[in-house]
């Protein structure tokens, strides 16, 4: 194993412990825990056997070099993560919009009640 592989293994294991700690402090849902741990496990396997895995992916995708295959897979995973982030942001925006509407409706009702009380 090369020195960079040792470094990668240490970093990935540290990230796995970090994610478990986040879950332990209830900062992550179990779905997020499974997703991130699976992704980190894949990264751990790739860091342990980079040549074999890149060669296999290269043959499956029909690319010229193994490193190209790893870049293609990494870019694909990056797009999946971006899509997941987009979905989460869109959901949060919709919830904020709905809460704003509810607050505006309640505020208007309160103003109407105050006007009625002032008249009496």
PDB file of N, CA and C in Angstrom:
ATOM      1  N   UNK A   1       0.828  -1.180   0.000  1.00  0.00           N
ATOM      2  CA  UNK A   1       0.000   0.000   0.000  1.00  0.00           C
ATOM      3  C   UNK A   1       0.879   1.253   0.000  1.00  0.00           C
ATOM      4  N   UNK A   2       0.417   2.251  -0.722  1.00  0.00           N
ATOM      5  CA  UNK A   2       1.146   3.513  -0.791  1.00  0.00           C
ATOM      6  C   UNK A   2       0.765   4.407   0.388  1.00  0.00           C
ATOM      7  N   UNK A   3       1.586   5.422   0.625  1.00  0.00           N
ATOM      8  CA  UNK A   3       1.333   6.339   1.736  1.00  0.00           C
ATOM      9  C   UNK A   3       0.001   7.058   1.571  1.00  0.00           C
ATOM     10  N   UNK A   4      -0.352   7.414   0.347  1.00  0.00           N
ATOM     11  CA  UNK A   4      -1.610   8.112   0.109  1.00  0.00           C
ATOM     12  C   UNK A   4      -2.801   7.213   0.463  1.00  0.00           C
ATOM     13  N   UNK A   5      -2.656   5.923   0.292  1.00  0.00           N
ATOM     14  CA  UNK A   5      -3.728   5.009   0.665  1.00  0.00           C
ATOM     15  C   UNK A   5      -3.911   4.989   2.183  1.00  0.00           C
ATOM     16  N   UNK A   6      -2.807   4.975   2.922  1.00  0.00           N
ATOM     17  CA  UNK A   6      -2.902   5.027   4.380  1.00  0.00           C
ATOM     18  C   UNK A   6      -3.595   6.313   4.834  1.00  0.00           C
ATOM     19  N   UNK A   7      -3.224   7.407   4.210  1.00  0.00           N
ATOM     20  CA  UNK A   7      -3.833   8.695   4.551  1.00  0.00           C
ATOM     21  C   UNK A   7      -5.334   8.672   4.244  1.00  0.00           C
ATOM     22  N   UNK A   8      -5.690   8.131   3.076  1.00  0.00           N
ATOM     23  CA  UNK A   8      -7.097   8.062   2.686  1.00  0.00           C
ATOM     24  C   UNK A   8      -7.884   7.181   3.653  1.00  0.00           C
ATOM     25  N   UNK A   9      -7.316   6.057   4.046  1.00  0.00           N
ATOM     26  CA  UNK A   9      -8.001   5.157   4.977  1.00  0.00           C
ATOM     27  C   UNK A   9      -8.217   5.854   6.322  1.00  0.00           C
ATOM     28  N   UNK A  10      -7.221   6.536   6.807  1.00  0.00           N
ATOM     29  CA  UNK A  10      -7.341   7.250   8.092  1.00  0.00           C
ATOM     30  C   UNK A  10      -8.410   8.331   8.007  1.00  0.00           C
ATOM     31  N   UNK A  11      -8.407   9.086   6.924  1.00  0.00           N
ATOM     32  CA  UNK A  11      -9.394  10.161   6.763  1.00  0.00           C
ATOM     33  C   UNK A  11     -10.806   9.592   6.664  1.00  0.00           C
ATOM     34  N   UNK A  12     -10.980   8.540   5.878  1.00  0.00           N
ATOM     35  CA  UNK A  12     -12.313   7.949   5.716  1.00  0.00           C
ATOM     36  C   UNK A  12     -12.807   7.360   7.037  1.00  0.00           C
ATOM     37  N   UNK A  13     -11.935   6.670   7.763  1.00  0.00           N
ATOM     38  CA  UNK A  13     -12.347   6.118   9.058  1.00  0.00           C
ATOM     39  C   UNK A  13     -12.707   7.231  10.034  1.00  0.00           C
ATOM     40  N   UNK A  14     -11.948   8.317  10.013  1.00  0.00           N
ATOM     41  CA  UNK A  14     -12.262   9.457  10.878  1.00  0.00           C
ATOM     42  C   UNK A  14     -13.618  10.055  10.502  1.00  0.00           C
ATOM     43  N   UNK A  15     -13.899  10.156   9.214  1.00  0.00           N
ATOM     44  CA  UNK A  15     -15.198  10.668   8.777  1.00  0.00           C
ATOM     45  C   UNK A  15     -16.332   9.739   9.187  1.00  0.00           C
ATOM     46  N   UNK A  16     -16.082   8.434   9.139  1.00  0.00           N
ATOM     47  CA  UNK A  16     -17.110   7.474   9.559  1.00  0.00           C
ATOM     48  C   UNK A  16     -17.426   7.644  11.049  1.00  0.00           C
ATOM     49  N   UNK A  17     -16.403   7.824  11.851  1.00  0.00           N
ATOM     50  CA  UNK A  17     -16.609   8.053  13.288  1.00  0.00           C
ATOM     51  C   UNK A  17     -17.335   9.381  13.507  1.00  0.00           C
ATOM     52  N   UNK A  18     -16.970  10.401  12.751  1.00  0.00           N
ATOM     53  CA  UNK A  18     -17.608  11.714  12.849  1.00  0.00           C
ATOM     54  C   UNK A  18     -19.103  11.615  12.535  1.00  0.00           C
ATOM     55  N   UNK A  19     -19.444  10.888  11.466  1.00  0.00           N
ATOM     56  CA  UNK A  19     -20.852  10.730  11.088  1.00  0.00           C
ATOM     57  C   UNK A  19     -21.600   9.958  12.173  1.00  0.00           C
ATOM     58  N   UNK A  20     -20.985   8.929  12.717  1.00  0.00           N
ATOM     59  CA  UNK A  20     -21.623   8.190  13.812  1.00  0.00           C
ATOM     60  C   UNK A  20     -21.845   9.097  15.024  1.00  0.00           C
ATOM     61  N   UNK A  21     -20.886   9.969  15.308  1.00  0.00           N
ATOM     62  CA  UNK A  21     -21.042  10.922  16.406  1.00  0.00           C
ATOM     63  C   UNK A  21     -22.192  11.877  16.167  1.00  0.00           C
ATOM     64  N   UNK A  22     -22.327  12.347  14.929  1.00  0.00           N
ATOM     65  CA  UNK A  22     -23.445  13.234  14.577  1.00  0.00           C
ATOM     66  C   UNK A  22     -24.779  12.523  14.805  1.00  0.00           C
ATOM     67  N   UNK A  23     -24.822  11.244  14.430  1.00  0.00           N
ATOM     68  CA  UNK A  23     -26.049  10.470  14.640  1.00  0.00           C
ATOM     69  C   UNK A  23     -26.305  10.279  16.131  1.00  0.00           C
ATOM     70  N   UNK A  24     -25.269  10.038  16.889  1.00  0.00           N
ATOM     71  CA  UNK A  24     -25.404   9.863  18.329  1.00  0.00           C
ATOM     72  C   UNK A  24     -25.922  11.117  19.027  1.00  0.00           C
ATOM     73  N   UNK A  25     -25.598  12.295  18.493  1.00  0.00           N
ATOM     74  CA  UNK A  25     -26.082  13.564  19.050  1.00  0.00           C
ATOM     75  C   UNK A  25     -27.410  13.992  18.427  1.00  0.00           C
ATOM     76  N   UNK A  26     -28.035  13.085  17.688  1.00  0.00           N
ATOM     77  CA  UNK A  26     -29.322  13.327  17.024  1.00  0.00           C
ATOM     78  C   UNK A  26     -29.264  14.483  16.035  1.00  0.00           C
ATOM     79  N   UNK A  27     -28.137  14.665  15.381  1.00  0.00           N
ATOM     80  CA  UNK A  27     -28.007  15.690  14.349  1.00  0.00           C
ATOM     81  C   UNK A  27     -28.234  15.115  12.952  1.00  0.00           C
ATOM     82  N   UNK A  28     -28.369  13.784  12.857  1.00  0.00           N
ATOM     83  CA  UNK A  28     -28.635  13.108  11.586  1.00  0.00           C
ATOM     84  C   UNK A  28     -29.777  12.123  11.768  1.00  0.00           C
ATOM     85  N   UNK A  29     -30.599  11.971  10.729  1.00  0.00           N
ATOM     86  CA  UNK A  29     -31.605  10.915  10.716  1.00  0.00           C
ATOM     87  C   UNK A  29     -30.914   9.600  10.395  1.00  0.00           C
ATOM     88  N   UNK A  30     -31.615   8.498  10.636  1.00  0.00           N
ATOM     89  CA  UNK A  30     -30.989   7.202  10.354  1.00  0.00           C
ATOM     90  C   UNK A  30     -30.797   7.002   8.851  1.00  0.00           C
ATOM     91  N   UNK A  31     -31.674   7.599   8.030  1.00  0.00           N
ATOM     92  CA  UNK A  31     -31.509   7.479   6.579  1.00  0.00           C
ATOM     93  C   UNK A  31     -30.228   8.172   6.141  1.00  0.00           C
ATOM     94  N   UNK A  32     -29.966   9.338   6.707  1.00  0.00           N
ATOM     95  CA  UNK A  32     -28.735  10.050   6.373  1.00  0.00           C
ATOM     96  C   UNK A  32     -27.514   9.289   6.877  1.00  0.00           C
ATOM     97  N   UNK A  33     -27.640   8.689   8.056  1.00  0.00           N
ATOM     98  CA  UNK A  33     -26.545   7.880   8.590  1.00  0.00           C
ATOM     99  C   UNK A  33     -26.213   6.744   7.637  1.00  0.00           C
ATOM    100  N   UNK A  34     -27.215   6.028   7.191  1.00  0.00           N
ATOM    101  CA  UNK A  34     -26.992   4.898   6.280  1.00  0.00           C
ATOM    102  C   UNK A  34     -26.388   5.385   4.971  1.00  0.00           C
ATOM    103  N   UNK A  35     -26.919   6.491   4.440  1.00  0.00           N
ATOM    104  CA  UNK A  35     -26.408   7.017   3.179  1.00  0.00           C
ATOM    105  C   UNK A  35     -24.937   7.387   3.291  1.00  0.00           C
ATOM    106  N   UNK A  36     -24.584   8.184   4.302  1.00  0.00           N
ATOM    107  CA  UNK A  36     -23.205   8.651   4.431  1.00  0.00           C
ATOM    108  C   UNK A  36     -22.245   7.524   4.790  1.00  0.00           C
ATOM    109  N   UNK A  37     -22.684   6.607   5.647  1.00  0.00           N
ATOM    110  CA  UNK A  37     -21.807   5.485   5.999  1.00  0.00           C
ATOM    111  C   UNK A  37     -21.574   4.584   4.785  1.00  0.00           C
ATOM    112  N   UNK A  38     -22.610   4.374   3.972  1.00  0.00           N
ATOM    113  CA  UNK A  38     -22.440   3.566   2.757  1.00  0.00           C
ATOM    114  C   UNK A  38     -21.481   4.254   1.789  1.00  0.00           C
ATOM    115  N   UNK A  39     -21.647   5.555   1.626  1.00  0.00           N
ATOM    116  CA  UNK A  39     -20.760   6.301   0.737  1.00  0.00           C
ATOM    117  C   UNK A  39     -19.319   6.260   1.245  1.00  0.00           C
ATOM    118  N   UNK A  40     -19.141   6.429   2.538  1.00  0.00           N
ATOM    119  CA  UNK A  40     -17.796   6.381   3.116  1.00  0.00           C
ATOM    120  C   UNK A  40     -17.204   4.980   3.041  1.00  0.00           C
ATOM    121  N   UNK A  41     -18.041   3.958   3.182  1.00  0.00           N
ATOM    122  CA  UNK A  41     -17.557   2.584   3.044  1.00  0.00           C
ATOM    123  C   UNK A  41     -17.058   2.329   1.626  1.00  0.00           C
ATOM    124  N   UNK A  42     -17.807   2.836   0.648  1.00  0.00           N
ATOM    125  CA  UNK A  42     -17.367   2.701  -0.752  1.00  0.00           C
ATOM    126  C   UNK A  42     -16.034   3.405  -0.952  1.00  0.00           C
ATOM    127  N   UNK A  43     -15.909   4.592  -0.362  1.00  0.00           N
ATOM    128  CA  UNK A  43     -14.640   5.319  -0.467  1.00  0.00           C
ATOM    129  C   UNK A  43     -13.509   4.552   0.207  1.00  0.00           C
ATOM    130  N   UNK A  44     -13.812   3.878   1.305  1.00  0.00           N
ATOM    131  CA  UNK A  44     -12.800   3.076   1.997  1.00  0.00           C
ATOM    132  C   UNK A  44     -12.348   1.918   1.128  1.00  0.00           C
ATOM    133  N   UNK A  45     -13.290   1.249   0.505  1.00  0.00           N
ATOM    134  CA  UNK A  45     -12.948   0.121  -0.372  1.00  0.00           C
ATOM    135  C   UNK A  45     -12.129   0.603  -1.558  1.00  0.00           C
ATOM    136  N   UNK A  46     -12.525   1.737  -2.141  1.00  0.00           N
ATOM    137  CA  UNK A  46     -11.779   2.274  -3.283  1.00  0.00           C
ATOM    138  C   UNK A  46     -10.364   2.681  -2.863  1.00  0.00           C
ATOM    139  N   UNK A  47     -10.232   3.223  -1.667  1.00  0.00           N
ATOM    140  CA  UNK A  47      -8.889   3.623  -1.227  1.00  0.00           C
ATOM    141  C   UNK A  47      -8.013   2.420  -0.923  1.00  0.00           C
ATOM    142  N   UNK A  48      -8.616   1.288  -0.581  1.00  0.00           N
ATOM    143  CA  UNK A  48      -7.829   0.081  -0.317  1.00  0.00           C
ATOM    144  C   UNK A  48      -7.432  -0.648  -1.607  1.00  0.00           C
ATOM    145  N   UNK A  49      -8.318  -0.674  -2.576  1.00  0.00           N
ATOM    146  CA  UNK A  49      -8.071  -1.383  -3.835  1.00  0.00           C
ATOM    147  C   UNK A  49      -8.333  -0.484  -5.042  1.00  0.00           C
ATOM    148  N   UNK A  50      -7.602   0.615  -5.187  1.00  0.00           N
ATOM    149  CA  UNK A  50      -7.929   1.571  -6.254  1.00  0.00           C
ATOM    150  C   UNK A  50      -7.693   1.014  -7.663  1.00  0.00           C
ATOM    151  N   UNK A  51      -6.633   0.277  -7.844  1.00  0.00           N
ATOM    152  CA  UNK A  51      -6.309  -0.209  -9.193  1.00  0.00           C
ATOM    153  C   UNK A  51      -7.321  -1.242  -9.647  1.00  0.00           C
ATOM    154  N   UNK A  52      -7.623  -2.199  -8.792  1.00  0.00           N
ATOM    155  CA  UNK A  52      -8.565  -3.247  -9.163  1.00  0.00           C
ATOM    156  C   UNK A  52      -9.952  -2.683  -9.452  1.00  0.00           C
ATOM    157  N   UNK A  53     -10.402  -1.783  -8.601  1.00  0.00           N
ATOM    158  CA  UNK A  53     -11.741  -1.221  -8.778  1.00  0.00           C
ATOM    159  C   UNK A  53     -11.799  -0.332 -10.011  1.00  0.00           C
ATOM    160  N   UNK A  54     -10.772   0.492 -10.208  1.00  0.00           N
ATOM    161  CA  UNK A  54     -10.790   1.370 -11.384  1.00  0.00           C
ATOM    162  C   UNK A  54     -10.715   0.562 -12.668  1.00  0.00           C
ATOM    163  N   UNK A  55      -9.981  -0.530 -12.653  1.00  0.00           N
ATOM    164  CA  UNK A  55      -9.899  -1.387 -13.839  1.00  0.00           C
ATOM    165  C   UNK A  55     -11.248  -2.040 -14.123  1.00  0.00           C
ATOM    166  N   UNK A  56     -11.918  -2.504 -13.086  1.00  0.00           N
ATOM    167  CA  UNK A  56     -13.244  -3.114 -13.260  1.00  0.00           C
ATOM    168  C   UNK A  56     -14.240  -2.101 -13.800  1.00  0.00           C
ATOM    169  N   UNK A  57     -14.260  -0.910 -13.220  1.00  0.00           N
ATOM    170  CA  UNK A  57     -15.176   0.138 -13.690  1.00  0.00           C
ATOM    171  C   UNK A  57     -14.824   0.537 -15.118  1.00  0.00           C
ATOM    172  N   UNK A  58     -13.538   0.609 -15.423  1.00  0.00           N
ATOM    173  CA  UNK A  58     -13.091   0.961 -16.773  1.00  0.00           C
ATOM    174  C   UNK A  58     -13.622  -0.044 -17.786  1.00  0.00           C
ATOM    175  N   UNK A  59     -13.551  -1.321 -17.448  1.00  0.00           N
ATOM    176  CA  UNK A  59     -14.036  -2.362 -18.371  1.00  0.00           C
ATOM    177  C   UNK A  59     -15.543  -2.285 -18.541  1.00  0.00           C
ATOM    178  N   UNK A  60     -16.249  -2.021 -17.443  1.00  0.00           N
ATOM    179  CA  UNK A  60     -17.716  -1.935 -17.511  1.00  0.00           C
ATOM    180  C   UNK A  60     -18.147  -0.743 -18.353  1.00  0.00           C
ATOM    181  N   UNK A  61     -17.504   0.410 -18.149  1.00  0.00           N
ATOM    182  CA  UNK A  61     -17.877   1.627 -18.873  1.00  0.00           C
ATOM    183  C   UNK A  61     -17.220   1.748 -20.241  1.00  0.00           C
ATOM    184  N   UNK A  62     -16.217   0.914 -20.495  1.00  0.00           N
ATOM    185  CA  UNK A  62     -15.547   0.950 -21.784  1.00  0.00           C
ATOM    186  C   UNK A  62     -14.631   2.148 -21.962  1.00  0.00           C
ATOM    187  N   UNK A  63     -14.013   2.592 -20.899  1.00  0.00           N
ATOM    188  CA  UNK A  63     -13.111   3.734 -20.971  1.00  0.00           C
ATOM    189  C   UNK A  63     -11.672   3.257 -21.156  1.00  0.00           C
ATOM    190  N   UNK A  64     -10.799   4.195 -21.528  1.00  0.00           N
ATOM    191  CA  UNK A  64      -9.409   3.859 -21.813  1.00  0.00           C
ATOM    192  C   UNK A  64      -8.556   3.618 -20.584  1.00  0.00           C
ATOM    193  N   UNK A  65      -8.713   4.453 -19.552  1.00  0.00           N
ATOM    194  CA  UNK A  65      -7.870   4.330 -18.362  1.00  0.00           C
ATOM    195  C   UNK A  65      -8.734   4.170 -17.115  1.00  0.00           C
ATOM    196  N   UNK A  66      -8.165   3.537 -16.120  1.00  0.00           N
ATOM    197  CA  UNK A  66      -8.894   3.310 -14.882  1.00  0.00           C
ATOM    198  C   UNK A  66      -9.191   4.591 -14.124  1.00  0.00           C
ATOM    199  N   UNK A  67      -8.263   5.531 -14.175  1.00  0.00           N
ATOM    200  CA  UNK A  67      -8.468   6.790 -13.477  1.00  0.00           C
ATOM    201  C   UNK A  67      -9.638   7.566 -14.077  1.00  0.00           C
ATOM    202  N   UNK A  68      -9.786   7.479 -15.393  1.00  0.00           N
ATOM    203  CA  UNK A  68     -10.942   8.105 -16.049  1.00  0.00           C
ATOM    204  C   UNK A  68     -12.243   7.532 -15.501  1.00  0.00           C
ATOM    205  N   UNK A  69     -12.241   6.220 -15.286  1.00  0.00           N
ATOM    206  CA  UNK A  69     -13.441   5.564 -14.768  1.00  0.00           C
ATOM    207  C   UNK A  69     -13.772   6.075 -13.368  1.00  0.00           C
ATOM    208  N   UNK A  70     -12.758   6.241 -12.535  1.00  0.00           N
ATOM    209  CA  UNK A  70     -13.011   6.752 -11.191  1.00  0.00           C
ATOM    210  C   UNK A  70     -13.549   8.181 -11.237  1.00  0.00           C
ATOM    211  N   UNK A  71     -13.022   8.990 -12.150  1.00  0.00           N
ATOM    212  CA  UNK A  71     -13.528  10.361 -12.281  1.00  0.00           C
ATOM    213  C   UNK A  71     -14.975  10.381 -12.759  1.00  0.00           C
ATOM    214  N   UNK A  72     -15.313   9.517 -13.701  1.00  0.00           N
ATOM    215  CA  UNK A  72     -16.686   9.454 -14.200  1.00  0.00           C
ATOM    216  C   UNK A  72     -17.638   9.063 -13.080  1.00  0.00           C
ATOM    217  N   UNK A  73     -17.270   8.072 -12.304  1.00  0.00           N
ATOM    218  CA  UNK A  73     -18.120   7.640 -11.193  1.00  0.00           C
ATOM    219  C   UNK A  73     -18.215   8.739 -10.138  1.00  0.00           C
ATOM    220  N   UNK A  74     -17.104   9.397  -9.836  1.00  0.00           N
ATOM    221  CA  UNK A  74     -17.116  10.479  -8.848  1.00  0.00           C
ATOM    222  C   UNK A  74     -18.000  11.632  -9.306  1.00  0.00           C
ATOM    223  N   UNK A  75     -17.940  11.981 -10.569  1.00  0.00           N
ATOM    224  CA  UNK A  75     -18.791  13.054 -11.093  1.00  0.00           C
ATOM    225  C   UNK A  75     -20.259  12.640 -11.019  1.00  0.00           C
ATOM    226  N   UNK A  76     -20.549  11.396 -11.344  1.00  0.00           N
ATOM    227  CA  UNK A  76     -21.924  10.896 -11.242  1.00  0.00           C
ATOM    228  C   UNK A  76     -22.443  10.958  -9.818  1.00  0.00           C
ATOM    229  N   UNK A  77     -21.626  10.535  -8.868  1.00  0.00           N
ATOM    230  CA  UNK A  77     -22.029  10.607  -7.465  1.00  0.00           C
ATOM    231  C   UNK A  77     -22.202  12.052  -7.009  1.00  0.00           C
ATOM    232  N   UNK A  78     -21.355  12.934  -7.522  1.00  0.00           N
ATOM    233  CA  UNK A  78     -21.485  14.353  -7.177  1.00  0.00           C
ATOM    234  C   UNK A  78     -22.821  14.908  -7.660  1.00  0.00           C
ATOM    235  N   UNK A  79     -23.237  14.525  -8.854  1.00  0.00           N
ATOM    236  CA  UNK A  79     -24.527  14.977  -9.360  1.00  0.00           C
ATOM    237  C   UNK A  79     -25.666  14.424  -8.509  1.00  0.00           C
ATOM    238  N   UNK A  80     -25.554  13.189  -8.066  1.00  0.00           N
ATOM    239  CA  UNK A  80     -26.584  12.631  -7.191  1.00  0.00           C
ATOM    240  C   UNK A  80     -26.670  13.394  -5.878  1.00  0.00           C
ATOM    241  N   UNK A  81     -25.515  13.736  -5.316  1.00  0.00           N
ATOM    242  CA  UNK A  81     -25.508  14.513  -4.078  1.00  0.00           C
ATOM    243  C   UNK A  81     -26.092  15.905  -4.292  1.00  0.00           C
ATOM    244  N   UNK A  82     -25.769  16.522  -5.415  1.00  0.00           N
ATOM    245  CA  UNK A  82     -26.336  17.836  -5.729  1.00  0.00           C
ATOM    246  C   UNK A  82     -27.854  17.770  -5.879  1.00  0.00           C
ATOM    247  N   UNK A  83     -28.332  16.709  -6.516  1.00  0.00           N
ATOM    248  CA  UNK A  83     -29.771  16.544  -6.683  1.00  0.00           C
ATOM    249  C   UNK A  83     -30.448  16.364  -5.332  1.00  0.00           C
ATOM    250  N   UNK A  84     -29.842  15.575  -4.474  1.00  0.00           N
ATOM    251  CA  UNK A  84     -30.391  15.365  -3.134  1.00  0.00           C
ATOM    252  C   UNK A  84     -30.418  16.690  -2.355  1.00  0.00           C
ATOM    253  N   UNK A  85     -29.373  17.463  -2.478  1.00  0.00           N
ATOM    254  CA  UNK A  85     -29.320  18.770  -1.827  1.00  0.00           C
ATOM    255  C   UNK A  85     -30.383  19.704  -2.386  1.00  0.00           C
ATOM    256  N   UNK A  86     -30.571  19.686  -3.692  1.00  0.00           N
ATOM    257  CA  UNK A  86     -31.600  20.501  -4.337  1.00  0.00           C
ATOM    258  C   UNK A  86     -32.979  20.142  -3.794  1.00  0.00           C
ATOM    259  N   UNK A  87     -33.259  18.858  -3.663  1.00  0.00           N
ATOM    260  CA  UNK A  87     -34.558  18.404  -3.156  1.00  0.00           C
ATOM    261  C   UNK A  87     -34.756  18.901  -1.723  1.00  0.00           C
ATOM    262  N   UNK A  88     -33.719  18.806  -0.892  1.00  0.00           N
ATOM    263  CA  UNK A  88     -33.829  19.253   0.498  1.00  0.00           C
ATOM    264  C   UNK A  88     -34.067  20.759   0.579  1.00  0.00           C
ATOM    265  N   UNK A  89     -33.370  21.524  -0.240  1.00  0.00           N
ATOM    266  CA  UNK A  89     -33.544  22.980  -0.241  1.00  0.00           C
ATOM    267  C   UNK A  89     -34.936  23.347  -0.739  1.00  0.00           C
ATOM    268  N   UNK A  90     -35.406  22.683  -1.773  1.00  0.00           N
ATOM    269  CA  UNK A  90     -36.739  22.951  -2.298  1.00  0.00           C
ATOM    270  C   UNK A  90     -37.805  22.656  -1.249  1.00  0.00           C
ATOM    271  N   UNK A  91     -37.647  21.567  -0.538  1.00  0.00           N
ATOM    272  CA  UNK A  91     -38.590  21.213   0.521  1.00  0.00           C
ATOM    273  C   UNK A  91     -38.593  22.278   1.616  1.00  0.00           C
ATOM    274  N   UNK A  92     -37.407  22.735   2.012  1.00  0.00           N
ATOM    275  CA  UNK A  92     -37.308  23.762   3.045  1.00  0.00           C
ATOM    276  C   UNK A  92     -37.958  25.062   2.571  1.00  0.00           C
ATOM    277  N   UNK A  93     -37.751  25.433   1.314  1.00  0.00           N
ATOM    278  CA  UNK A  93     -38.364  26.648   0.778  1.00  0.00           C
ATOM    279  C   UNK A  93     -39.881  26.551   0.788  1.00  0.00           C
ATOM    280  N   UNK A  94     -40.403  25.390   0.429  1.00  0.00           N
ATOM    281  CA  UNK A  94     -41.862  25.201   0.436  1.00  0.00           C
ATOM    282  C   UNK A  94     -42.425  25.301   1.853  1.00  0.00           C
ATOM    283  N   UNK A  95     -41.718  24.713   2.816  1.00  0.00           N
ATOM    284  CA  UNK A  95     -42.165  24.783   4.204  1.00  0.00           C
ATOM    285  C   UNK A  95     -42.137  26.230   4.709  1.00  0.00           C
ATOM    286  N   UNK A  96     -41.099  26.974   4.358  1.00  0.00           N
ATOM    287  CA  UNK A  96     -41.001  28.381   4.768  1.00  0.00           C
ATOM    288  C   UNK A  96     -42.137  29.185   4.158  1.00  0.00           C
ATOM    289  N   UNK A  97     -42.431  28.934   2.885  1.00  0.00           N
ATOM    290  CA  UNK A  97     -43.531  29.642   2.216  1.00  0.00           C
ATOM    291  C   UNK A  97     -44.855  29.341   2.902  1.00  0.00           C
ATOM    292  N   UNK A  98     -45.085  28.086   3.218  1.00  0.00           N
ATOM    293  CA  UNK A  98     -46.340  27.706   3.882  1.00  0.00           C
ATOM    294  C   UNK A  98     -46.439  28.330   5.274  1.00  0.00           C
ATOM    295  N   UNK A  99     -45.356  28.320   6.024  1.00  0.00           N
ATOM    296  CA  UNK A  99     -45.364  28.938   7.353  1.00  0.00           C
ATOM    297  C   UNK A  99     -45.598  30.449   7.259  1.00  0.00           C
ATOM    298  N   UNK A 100     -45.003  31.086   6.278  1.00  0.00           N
ATOM    299  CA  UNK A 100     -45.193  32.521   6.083  1.00  0.00           C
ATOM    300  C   UNK A 100     -46.657  32.823   5.779  1.00  0.00           C
ATOM    301  N   UNK A 101     -47.262  32.007   4.951  1.00  0.00           N
ATOM    302  CA  UNK A 101     -48.682  32.201   4.636  1.00  0.00           C
ATOM    303  C   UNK A 101     -49.544  32.050   5.886  1.00  0.00           C
ATOM    304  N   UNK A 102     -49.268  31.015   6.661  1.00  0.00           N
ATOM    305  CA  UNK A 102     -50.050  30.793   7.882  1.00  0.00           C
ATOM    306  C   UNK A 102     -49.893  31.952   8.857  1.00  0.00           C
ATOM    307  N   UNK A 103     -48.679  32.441   9.011  1.00  0.00           N
ATOM    308  CA  UNK A 103     -48.442  33.565   9.917  1.00  0.00           C
ATOM    309  C   UNK A 103     -49.162  34.812   9.412  1.00  0.00           C
ATOM    310  N   UNK A 104     -49.131  35.045   8.118  1.00  0.00           N
ATOM    311  CA  UNK A 104     -49.812  36.216   7.556  1.00  0.00           C
ATOM    312  C   UNK A 104     -51.318  36.127   7.774  1.00  0.00           C
ATOM    313  N   UNK A 105     -51.884  34.942   7.593  1.00  0.00           N
ATOM    314  CA  UNK A 105     -53.328  34.766   7.805  1.00  0.00           C
ATOM    315  C   UNK A 105     -53.676  35.004   9.274  1.00  0.00           C
ATOM    316  N   UNK A 106     -52.887  34.428  10.171  1.00  0.00           N
ATOM    317  CA  UNK A 106     -53.145  34.614  11.603  1.00  0.00           C
ATOM    318  C   UNK A 106     -52.961  36.073  12.012  1.00  0.00           C
ATOM    319  N   UNK A 107     -51.972  36.729  11.465  1.00  0.00           N
ATOM    320  CA  UNK A 107     -51.738  38.143  11.766  1.00  0.00           C
ATOM    321  C   UNK A 107     -52.919  38.989  11.305  1.00  0.00           C
ATOM    322  N   UNK A 108     -53.439  38.673  10.146  1.00  0.00           N
ATOM    323  CA  UNK A 108     -54.601  39.411   9.629  1.00  0.00           C
ATOM    324  C   UNK A 108     -55.806  39.180  10.531  1.00  0.00           C
ATOM    325  N   UNK A 109     -56.002  37.947  11.001  1.00  0.00           N
ATOM    326  CA  UNK A 109     -57.118  37.671  11.907  1.00  0.00           C
ATOM    327  C   UNK A 109     -56.963  38.440  13.216  1.00  0.00           C
ATOM    328  N   UNK A 110     -55.747  38.523  13.720  1.00  0.00           N
ATOM    329  CA  UNK A 110     -55.494  39.268  14.955  1.00  0.00           C
ATOM    330  C   UNK A 110     -55.792  40.753  14.747  1.00  0.00           C
ATOM    331  N   UNK A 111     -55.381  41.295  13.604  1.00  0.00           N
ATOM    332  CA  UNK A 111     -55.655  42.709  13.317  1.00  0.00           C
ATOM    333  C   UNK A 111     -57.156  42.973  13.257  1.00  0.00           C
ATOM    334  N   UNK A 112     -57.898  42.059  12.643  1.00  0.00           N
ATOM    335  CA  UNK A 112     -59.350  42.218  12.553  1.00  0.00           C
ATOM    336  C   UNK A 112     -59.983  42.169  13.939  1.00  0.00           C
ATOM    337  N   UNK A 113     -59.485  41.266  14.798  1.00  0.00           N
ATOM    338  CA  UNK A 113     -60.012  41.183  16.161  1.00  0.00           C
ATOM    339  C   UNK A 113     -59.718  42.459  16.941  1.00  0.00           C
ATOM    340  N   UNK A 114     -58.533  43.006  16.759  1.00  0.00           N
ATOM    341  CA  UNK A 114     -58.186  44.256  17.437  1.00  0.00           C
ATOM    342  C   UNK A 114     -59.064  45.412  16.970  1.00  0.00           C
ATOM    343  N   UNK A 115     -59.344  45.464  15.685  1.00  0.00           N
ATOM    344  CA  UNK A 115     -60.226  46.510  15.168  1.00  0.00           C
ATOM    345  C   UNK A 115     -61.620  46.402  15.773  1.00  0.00           C
ATOM    346  N   UNK A 116     -62.121  45.161  15.918  1.00  0.00           N
ATOM    347  CA  UNK A 116     -63.430  44.967  16.521  1.00  0.00           C
ATOM    348  C   UNK A 116     -63.425  45.403  17.979  1.00  0.00           C
ATOM    349  N   UNK A 117     -62.347  45.097  18.698  1.00  0.00           N
ATOM    350  CA  UNK A 117     -62.246  45.483  20.108  1.00  0.00           C
ATOM    351  C   UNK A 117     -62.157  47.008  20.274  1.00  0.00           C
ATOM    352  N   UNK A 118     -61.469  47.653  19.332  1.00  0.00           N
ATOM    353  CA  UNK A 118     -61.351  49.114  19.387  1.00  0.00           C
ATOM    354  C   UNK A 118     -62.683  49.788  19.166  1.00  0.00           C
ATOM    355  N   UNK A 119     -63.532  49.213  18.316  1.00  0.00           N
ATOM    356  CA  UNK A 119     -64.855  49.782  18.034  1.00  0.00           C
ATOM    357  C   UNK A 119     -65.779  49.637  19.237  1.00  0.00           C
ATOM    358  N   UNK A 120     -65.599  48.599  19.983  1.00  0.00           N
ATOM    359  CA  UNK A 120     -66.479  48.362  21.145  1.00  0.00           C
ATOM    360  C   UNK A 120     -66.146  49.180  22.293  1.00  0.00           C
TER     361      UNK A 120
END
